Amino acid sequence: MTYHFRMASEITEPLHTLVALAGGSGCGKTYSALALAEGLADGETFAVIDTEAGRAMHYRSRFDFAHCDFTPFDDKGDLTGYSPERYIDVLDAAEKAGYPVIVIDSFSHVWEGIGGVLELHAEAVDRMARGDDSKRDRVSMIGWAGVKPRYRRLLHRLIQCRAHVILCIRAKERPEGIKSVSKIRRPDLRWDVAADKDLVFEMTSSLLLLPEMAGVPIPIKLADEHRHAFPHQKQINAKSGAELLAWSRGETGVGDKELIDRARAAAREGYDAINRMWKKLGEADRDKLMPLMKELKTIAAEAERGVGDAPFGPDGSEDKDEGAAHQRETERQAEREIAVMEATAADYRKTTDLFAKEGITG
């Protein structure tokens, strides 16, 4: 097989974005996705794959789009569900039709809907347990072996799509007192998405929408080059899509990244340096840095404490300040996570050997 390399500066084909909008009911996912798609489509008709019983049609007088009623029934009226393969098929159809933007509302059905990943896993566990409830926990991990690859093929298809894709994903708020790690990996946001824990990080940009601030995104994953498309505390609109489109075509450069890099560099010098920079900034630039305020404060605080540069006191003893304590706790947490991973791998090997002896397969 022959491999070809080209200079990046000579490649003019536009890039394609994957945007995930996650949130609970009433947070503005559908409207925000349509507005974003309108900007990305640049006057062309975009496609909407609708699993929500025609919810996107509520906005047909506002947006010009091609609608696909993606029901759980096949052409014969038989219940077929929301398997990964059906999502791949409908993506193929939309891309073949030439739509520049594809909205999927909602992507969560492939995870938790009829015939989705969770249901497929439950069926696999039922088959392997053979009616013995005592085996269900032991076979659960192996039950994923035949399901996760099908789901991963769908994610790979999304990544390879030659159209911009916007996913609407359901999310639920975790009750107080539940200490499990959120799938969005933000301990300050008690929301879990109806998807696997890696989905939002496979996207170009992933944003959380909350009911109390409908349409106003909270970044989960957002590159510095894309922050200008989603101004602080502003609702997503068609301009957001137009900004992403311009970036994808190479019509804009690094956006606000240079400003952000300068702010981080100043913060690493401590409070005085970042405050001096802040005073010199105009209102527009301050607004651009507002979403990073917590991060900049943390960097400046660590710089003041000397974490990393001076982990030990003048007498050679370990510093007892908050920064050193935080560093030690981070290292201990990493050791605990490694131990859990090793134990899980050992259990998996034992379970696999046991089922091989009993003749149980996926």
Protein backbone atom coordinates (compact mmCIF):
# COMPACT_ATOMS: atom_id res chain seq x y z
CA MET A 1 0.00 0.00 0.00
CA THR A 2 1.29 3.44 -0.93
CA TYR A 3 1.07 6.34 1.50
CA HIS A 4 1.05 9.94 0.31
CA PHE A 5 2.12 13.00 2.27
CA ARG A 6 1.24 16.60 1.43
CA MET A 7 2.35 19.88 2.93
CA ALA A 8 -0.35 21.11 5.29
CA SER A 9 -0.08 24.60 3.80
CA GLU A 10 -1.11 23.18 0.40
CA ILE A 11 -4.24 21.41 1.66
CA THR A 12 -7.29 23.56 0.99
CA GLU A 13 -10.08 21.08 1.73
CA PRO A 14 -12.23 22.31 4.62
CA LEU A 15 -12.08 20.58 7.98
CA HIS A 16 -15.25 19.07 9.42
CA THR A 17 -16.45 19.61 12.95
CA LEU A 18 -18.20 17.33 15.43
CA VAL A 19 -20.17 19.25 18.05
CA ALA A 20 -22.00 17.67 20.98
CA LEU A 21 -24.72 19.58 22.84
CA ALA A 22 -25.65 17.81 26.09
CA GLY A 23 -28.32 18.77 28.57
CA GLY A 24 -31.57 17.99 30.29
CA SER A 25 -35.12 18.77 29.26
CA GLY A 26 -35.82 22.42 28.51
CA CYS A 27 -32.19 23.47 28.11
CA GLY A 28 -32.50 24.43 24.43
CA LYS A 29 -30.59 21.56 22.78
CA THR A 30 -32.77 21.30 19.67
CA TYR A 31 -33.05 25.02 18.95
CA SER A 32 -29.34 25.58 19.63
CA ALA A 33 -28.40 22.71 17.31
CA LEU A 34 -30.56 24.12 14.51
CA ALA A 35 -29.14 27.62 14.95
CA LEU A 36 -25.58 26.27 14.94
CA ALA A 37 -26.35 24.19 11.84
CA GLU A 38 -27.78 27.22 10.05
CA GLY A 39 -24.48 29.08 10.44
CA LEU A 40 -22.39 26.07 9.45
CA ALA A 41 -24.57 25.40 6.37
CA ASP A 42 -23.88 28.90 4.97
CA GLY A 43 -27.23 29.24 3.23
CA GLU A 44 -27.55 25.61 2.13
CA THR A 45 -30.17 23.17 3.37
CA PHE A 46 -29.00 20.99 6.23
CA ALA A 47 -30.31 17.61 7.42
CA VAL A 48 -31.98 16.73 10.72
CA ILE A 49 -32.21 13.12 11.87
CA ASP A 50 -35.05 13.27 14.40
CA THR A 51 -35.57 10.51 17.00
CA GLU A 52 -37.72 12.77 19.18
CA ALA A 53 -41.11 12.23 17.52
CA GLY A 54 -40.75 15.29 15.29
CA ARG A 55 -39.50 17.76 17.89
CA ALA A 56 -37.33 19.54 15.34
CA MET A 57 -40.48 20.27 13.31
CA HIS A 58 -41.52 22.73 16.04
CA TYR A 59 -39.02 25.11 14.42
CA ARG A 60 -39.80 24.49 10.74
CA SER A 61 -41.01 28.08 10.29
CA ARG A 62 -37.70 29.39 11.62
CA PHE A 63 -35.13 27.12 9.93
CA ASP A 64 -34.82 25.61 6.45
CA PHE A 65 -33.86 21.95 6.82
CA ALA A 66 -34.51 18.47 5.43
CA HIS A 67 -36.22 16.32 8.06
CA CYS A 68 -35.82 12.56 8.59
CA ASP A 69 -38.27 10.98 11.02
CA PHE A 70 -35.91 8.40 12.49
CA THR A 71 -38.44 6.19 14.25
CA PRO A 72 -37.66 2.82 15.90
CA PHE A 73 -39.75 1.05 13.22
CA ASP A 74 -38.62 -0.27 9.84
CA ASP A 75 -40.39 0.24 6.50
CA LYS A 76 -42.72 -2.69 7.25
CA GLY A 77 -43.81 -1.23 10.57
CA ASP A 78 -41.87 -3.76 12.64
CA LEU A 79 -40.02 -2.60 15.76
CA THR A 80 -36.31 -2.58 14.95
CA GLY A 81 -34.88 -0.11 17.46
CA TYR A 82 -31.89 2.20 17.48
CA SER A 83 -28.90 -0.03 16.84
CA PRO A 84 -25.48 1.45 15.98
CA GLU A 85 -25.86 0.00 12.47
CA ARG A 86 -29.07 1.99 11.86
CA TYR A 87 -27.32 5.21 12.85
CA ILE A 88 -24.49 4.37 10.46
CA ASP A 89 -27.02 3.73 7.66
CA VAL A 90 -28.81 7.03 8.15
CA LEU A 91 -25.49 8.92 8.31
CA ASP A 92 -24.48 7.27 5.04
CA ALA A 93 -27.77 8.36 3.45
CA ALA A 94 -27.46 11.97 4.62
CA GLU A 95 -23.85 12.26 3.51
CA LYS A 96 -24.60 10.67 0.12
CA ALA A 97 -27.40 13.22 -0.37
CA GLY A 98 -24.79 15.97 -0.02
CA TYR A 99 -26.05 17.81 3.06
CA PRO A 100 -23.23 20.00 4.43
CA VAL A 101 -24.45 19.69 8.02
CA ILE A 102 -26.18 16.80 9.78
CA VAL A 103 -28.00 17.24 13.09
CA ILE A 104 -28.82 14.11 15.11
CA ASP A 105 -31.48 14.79 17.73
CA SER A 106 -31.01 12.69 19.73
CA PHE A 107 -27.87 10.58 19.70
CA SER A 108 -28.74 9.17 23.15
CA HIS A 109 -31.16 6.62 21.70
CA VAL A 110 -28.28 4.54 20.37
CA TRP A 111 -27.08 4.26 23.97
CA GLU A 112 -30.20 3.92 26.11
CA GLY A 113 -33.07 3.54 23.60
CA ILE A 114 -34.90 0.50 22.26
CA GLY A 115 -32.34 -1.79 20.64
CA GLY A 116 -29.54 0.50 21.79
CA VAL A 117 -26.21 -0.38 23.39
CA LEU A 118 -27.47 -0.89 26.94
CA GLU A 119 -30.27 -3.16 25.76
CA LEU A 120 -27.90 -5.13 23.52
CA HIS A 121 -25.57 -5.63 26.49
CA ALA A 122 -28.44 -6.78 28.71
CA GLU A 123 -29.45 -9.34 26.06
CA ALA A 124 -25.88 -10.64 25.85
CA VAL A 125 -25.74 -11.03 29.63
CA ASP A 126 -29.06 -12.90 29.61
CA ARG A 127 -27.74 -15.33 27.01
CA MET A 128 -24.53 -16.05 28.89
CA ALA A 129 -26.13 -16.30 32.34
CA ARG A 130 -28.62 -18.88 31.02
CA GLY A 131 -31.18 -17.98 33.65
CA ASP A 132 -28.70 -18.18 36.54
CA ASP A 133 -28.85 -14.76 38.25
CA SER A 134 -25.73 -15.59 40.25
CA LYS A 135 -23.70 -15.44 37.01
CA ARG A 136 -24.95 -12.08 35.78
CA ASP A 137 -22.34 -9.93 37.49
CA ARG A 138 -19.53 -12.26 36.43
CA VAL A 139 -20.53 -12.24 32.77
CA SER A 140 -21.28 -8.53 32.56
CA MET A 141 -17.79 -7.53 31.42
CA ILE A 142 -17.65 -10.22 28.75
CA GLY A 143 -21.13 -9.15 27.66
CA TRP A 144 -19.61 -5.92 26.40
CA ALA A 145 -17.21 -7.77 24.09
CA GLY A 146 -19.76 -8.13 21.30
CA VAL A 147 -21.47 -4.77 21.84
CA LYS A 148 -18.78 -2.13 22.33
CA PRO A 149 -17.10 -2.81 18.94
CA ARG A 150 -20.42 -2.09 17.19
CA TYR A 151 -20.70 1.20 19.07
CA ARG A 152 -17.07 2.09 18.35
CA ARG A 153 -17.68 1.55 14.63
CA LEU A 154 -20.43 4.16 14.83
CA LEU A 155 -18.09 6.65 16.53
CA HIS A 156 -15.48 5.96 13.86
CA ARG A 157 -18.12 6.64 11.20
CA LEU A 158 -18.89 9.99 12.82
CA ILE A 159 -15.23 10.94 12.85
CA GLN A 160 -14.88 10.04 9.16
CA CYS A 161 -18.00 11.95 8.09
CA ARG A 162 -17.39 14.56 5.40
CA ALA A 163 -20.19 16.76 6.71
CA HIS A 164 -20.32 18.81 9.89
CA VAL A 165 -22.21 16.80 12.52
CA ILE A 166 -24.07 18.14 15.55
CA LEU A 167 -25.22 15.67 18.20
CA CYS A 168 -27.89 16.40 20.77
CA ILE A 169 -27.33 14.23 23.86
CA ARG A 170 -29.60 13.84 26.86
CA ALA A 171 -28.12 14.46 30.29
CA LYS A 172 -29.41 14.01 33.82
CA GLU A 173 -28.39 15.76 37.00
CA ARG A 174 -26.94 13.45 39.65
CA PRO A 175 -28.60 13.65 43.09
CA GLU A 176 -26.74 15.23 45.98
CA GLY A 177 -24.64 12.75 47.91
CA ILE A 178 -23.75 10.63 44.88
CA LYS A 179 -19.97 10.76 44.68
CA SER A 180 -19.43 8.82 41.45
CA VAL A 181 -17.23 10.56 38.90
CA SER A 182 -19.29 12.35 36.26
CA LYS A 183 -18.90 11.17 32.66
CA ILE A 184 -18.11 14.74 31.67
CA ARG A 185 -15.21 14.72 34.16
CA ARG A 186 -16.20 18.00 35.75
CA PRO A 187 -16.71 17.56 39.51
CA ASP A 188 -18.31 21.00 39.69
CA LEU A 189 -21.06 19.97 37.22
CA ARG A 190 -23.31 17.20 38.52
CA TRP A 191 -24.52 16.00 35.12
CA ASP A 192 -24.14 12.66 33.39
CA VAL A 193 -24.71 12.19 29.67
CA ALA A 194 -26.72 9.32 28.17
CA ALA A 195 -23.68 8.01 26.30
CA ASP A 196 -20.43 6.27 27.03
CA LYS A 197 -17.84 8.19 29.06
CA ASP A 198 -15.59 8.90 26.07
CA LEU A 199 -18.12 10.26 23.57
CA VAL A 200 -17.95 13.96 24.49
CA PHE A 201 -14.15 13.82 24.24
CA GLU A 202 -14.26 12.33 20.73
CA MET A 203 -15.96 15.52 19.54
CA THR A 204 -14.33 18.66 18.19
CA SER A 205 -16.35 20.61 20.77
CA SER A 206 -18.63 19.41 23.57
CA LEU A 207 -20.91 21.80 25.42
CA LEU A 208 -23.30 21.41 28.34
CA LEU A 209 -26.59 23.32 28.41
CA LEU A 210 -28.52 23.85 31.65
CA PRO A 211 -32.29 24.51 32.02
CA GLU A 212 -31.70 27.70 34.01
CA MET A 213 -29.56 29.11 31.17
CA ALA A 214 -31.22 27.67 28.06
CA GLY A 215 -28.94 27.83 25.04
CA VAL A 216 -25.95 29.21 26.97
CA PRO A 217 -23.09 26.68 26.69
CA ILE A 218 -20.73 25.55 29.42
CA PRO A 219 -17.59 24.11 27.81
CA ILE A 220 -16.80 20.46 28.51
CA LYS A 221 -14.27 20.21 25.70
CA LEU A 222 -13.50 23.37 23.74
CA ALA A 223 -10.23 24.17 21.99
CA ASP A 224 -8.81 27.64 22.42
CA GLU A 225 -9.16 28.18 18.66
CA HIS A 226 -12.95 27.73 18.93
CA ARG A 227 -13.73 29.77 22.03
CA HIS A 228 -14.51 32.88 20.00
CA ALA A 229 -17.45 30.98 18.45
CA PHE A 230 -19.07 30.62 21.87
CA PRO A 231 -18.73 33.93 23.75
CA HIS A 232 -19.02 33.86 27.54
CA GLN A 233 -22.63 33.67 28.79
CA LYS A 234 -24.05 34.15 25.28
CA GLN A 235 -26.62 31.86 23.67
CA ILE A 236 -25.56 29.70 20.76
CA ASN A 237 -26.72 31.20 17.47
CA ALA A 238 -26.08 31.10 13.74
CA LYS A 239 -23.02 33.30 14.19
CA SER A 240 -21.49 30.54 16.31
CA GLY A 241 -21.82 28.20 13.35
CA ALA A 242 -20.46 30.79 10.93
CA GLU A 243 -17.38 31.27 13.12
CA LEU A 244 -16.75 27.50 13.16
CA LEU A 245 -17.26 27.35 9.40
CA ALA A 246 -14.73 30.13 8.79
CA TRP A 247 -12.19 28.30 10.96
CA SER A 248 -12.84 25.01 9.14
CA ARG A 249 -12.15 26.71 5.81
CA GLY A 250 -8.92 28.25 7.05
CA GLU A 251 -10.36 31.76 6.72
CA THR A 252 -9.53 32.60 10.33
CA GLY A 253 -6.33 31.93 12.17
CA VAL A 254 -5.80 30.98 15.77
CA GLY A 255 -8.67 33.19 16.94
CA ASP A 256 -8.25 34.02 20.62
CA LYS A 257 -5.55 31.44 21.28
CA GLU A 258 -2.74 34.02 21.32
CA LEU A 259 -4.61 36.06 23.93
CA ILE A 260 -5.30 32.96 26.01
CA ASP A 261 -1.68 31.81 25.78
CA ARG A 262 -0.48 35.24 26.95
CA ALA A 263 -2.90 35.16 29.88
CA ARG A 264 -1.75 31.70 30.96
CA ALA A 265 1.89 32.76 30.68
CA ALA A 266 1.18 35.81 32.85
CA ALA A 267 -0.67 33.71 35.41
CA ARG A 268 2.33 31.39 35.69
CA GLU A 269 4.31 34.43 36.91
CA GLY A 270 1.87 35.02 39.76
CA TYR A 271 -0.92 37.41 40.76
CA ASP A 272 0.95 40.64 40.02
CA ALA A 273 1.71 39.66 36.42
CA ILE A 274 -1.81 38.53 35.54
CA ASN A 275 -3.31 41.61 37.24
CA ARG A 276 -1.03 43.91 35.23
CA MET A 277 -2.10 42.22 32.02
CA TRP A 278 -5.78 42.35 33.01
CA LYS A 279 -5.67 46.11 33.61
CA LYS A 280 -4.32 46.69 30.11
CA LEU A 281 -7.03 44.65 28.38
CA GLY A 282 -10.12 46.11 26.79
CA GLU A 283 -13.62 44.96 27.67
CA ALA A 284 -13.84 42.65 24.64
CA ASP A 285 -10.64 40.79 25.53
CA ARG A 286 -11.70 40.52 29.17
CA ASP A 287 -14.96 38.91 28.05
CA LYS A 288 -12.97 36.37 26.05
CA LEU A 289 -10.96 35.39 29.13
CA MET A 290 -13.90 35.22 31.54
CA PRO A 291 -14.60 31.49 30.88
CA LEU A 292 -10.96 30.81 31.87
CA MET A 293 -11.02 32.89 35.04
CA LYS A 294 -11.04 29.88 37.39
CA GLU A 295 -8.17 28.25 35.52
CA LEU A 296 -6.11 31.46 35.53
CA LYS A 297 -6.64 31.94 39.27
CA THR A 298 -5.53 28.37 39.93
CA ILE A 299 -2.38 28.81 37.83
CA ALA A 300 -1.54 32.07 39.61
CA ALA A 301 -2.15 30.53 43.05
CA GLU A 302 0.15 27.61 42.26
CA ALA A 303 2.78 30.02 41.00
CA GLU A 304 2.59 31.97 44.29
CA ARG A 305 2.97 28.74 46.29
CA GLY A 306 5.82 27.53 44.11
CA VAL A 307 4.23 24.17 43.46
CA GLY A 308 6.45 22.16 41.13
CA ASP A 309 9.33 24.64 41.21
CA ALA A 310 9.97 24.37 44.97
CA PRO A 311 8.28 21.26 46.38
CA PHE A 312 10.60 21.25 49.40
CA GLY A 313 11.24 23.81 52.12
CA PRO A 314 14.58 25.56 52.75
CA ASP A 315 15.65 22.83 55.19
CA GLY A 316 15.02 20.06 52.66
CA SER A 317 11.79 18.94 54.31
CA GLU A 318 8.60 18.59 52.31
CA ASP A 319 6.61 21.83 52.26
CA LYS A 320 3.44 21.59 54.36
CA ASP A 321 1.42 24.17 52.47
CA GLU A 322 -1.81 23.49 50.61
CA GLY A 323 -0.10 23.12 47.25
CA ALA A 324 2.22 20.35 48.43
CA ALA A 325 -0.68 18.56 50.09
CA HIS A 326 -2.64 18.75 46.86
CA GLN A 327 0.33 17.36 44.94
CA ARG A 328 0.67 14.41 47.33
CA GLU A 329 -3.05 13.65 47.13
CA THR A 330 -2.91 13.72 43.32
CA GLU A 331 -0.06 11.20 43.35
CA ARG A 332 -1.90 8.95 45.81
CA GLN A 333 -5.05 9.12 43.66
CA ALA A 334 -3.04 8.08 40.60
CA GLU A 335 -1.62 5.12 42.54
CA ARG A 336 -5.14 4.08 43.61
CA GLU A 337 -6.43 4.29 40.02
CA ILE A 338 -3.55 2.14 38.75
CA ALA A 339 -4.25 -0.43 41.47
CA VAL A 340 -7.94 -0.56 40.49
CA MET A 341 -7.05 -0.99 36.81
CA GLU A 342 -4.65 -3.84 37.61
CA ALA A 343 -7.24 -5.55 39.84
CA THR A 344 -9.91 -5.19 37.16
CA ALA A 345 -7.61 -6.70 34.54
CA ALA A 346 -6.82 -9.62 36.86
CA ASP A 347 -10.54 -10.23 37.52
CA TYR A 348 -11.22 -10.12 33.80
CA ARG A 349 -8.56 -12.77 33.11
CA LYS A 350 -9.95 -15.01 35.86
CA THR A 351 -13.52 -14.62 34.58
CA THR A 352 -12.46 -15.34 31.01
CA ASP A 353 -10.66 -18.53 32.09
CA LEU A 354 -13.69 -19.63 34.12
CA PHE A 355 -16.13 -19.17 31.25
CA ALA A 356 -13.79 -20.91 28.83
CA LYS A 357 -13.86 -23.95 31.09
CA GLU A 358 -17.68 -23.81 31.32
CA GLY A 359 -18.06 -23.36 27.57
CA ILE A 360 -19.77 -19.97 27.90
CA THR A 361 -19.25 -17.55 25.02
CA GLY A 362 -20.58 -14.15 23.98
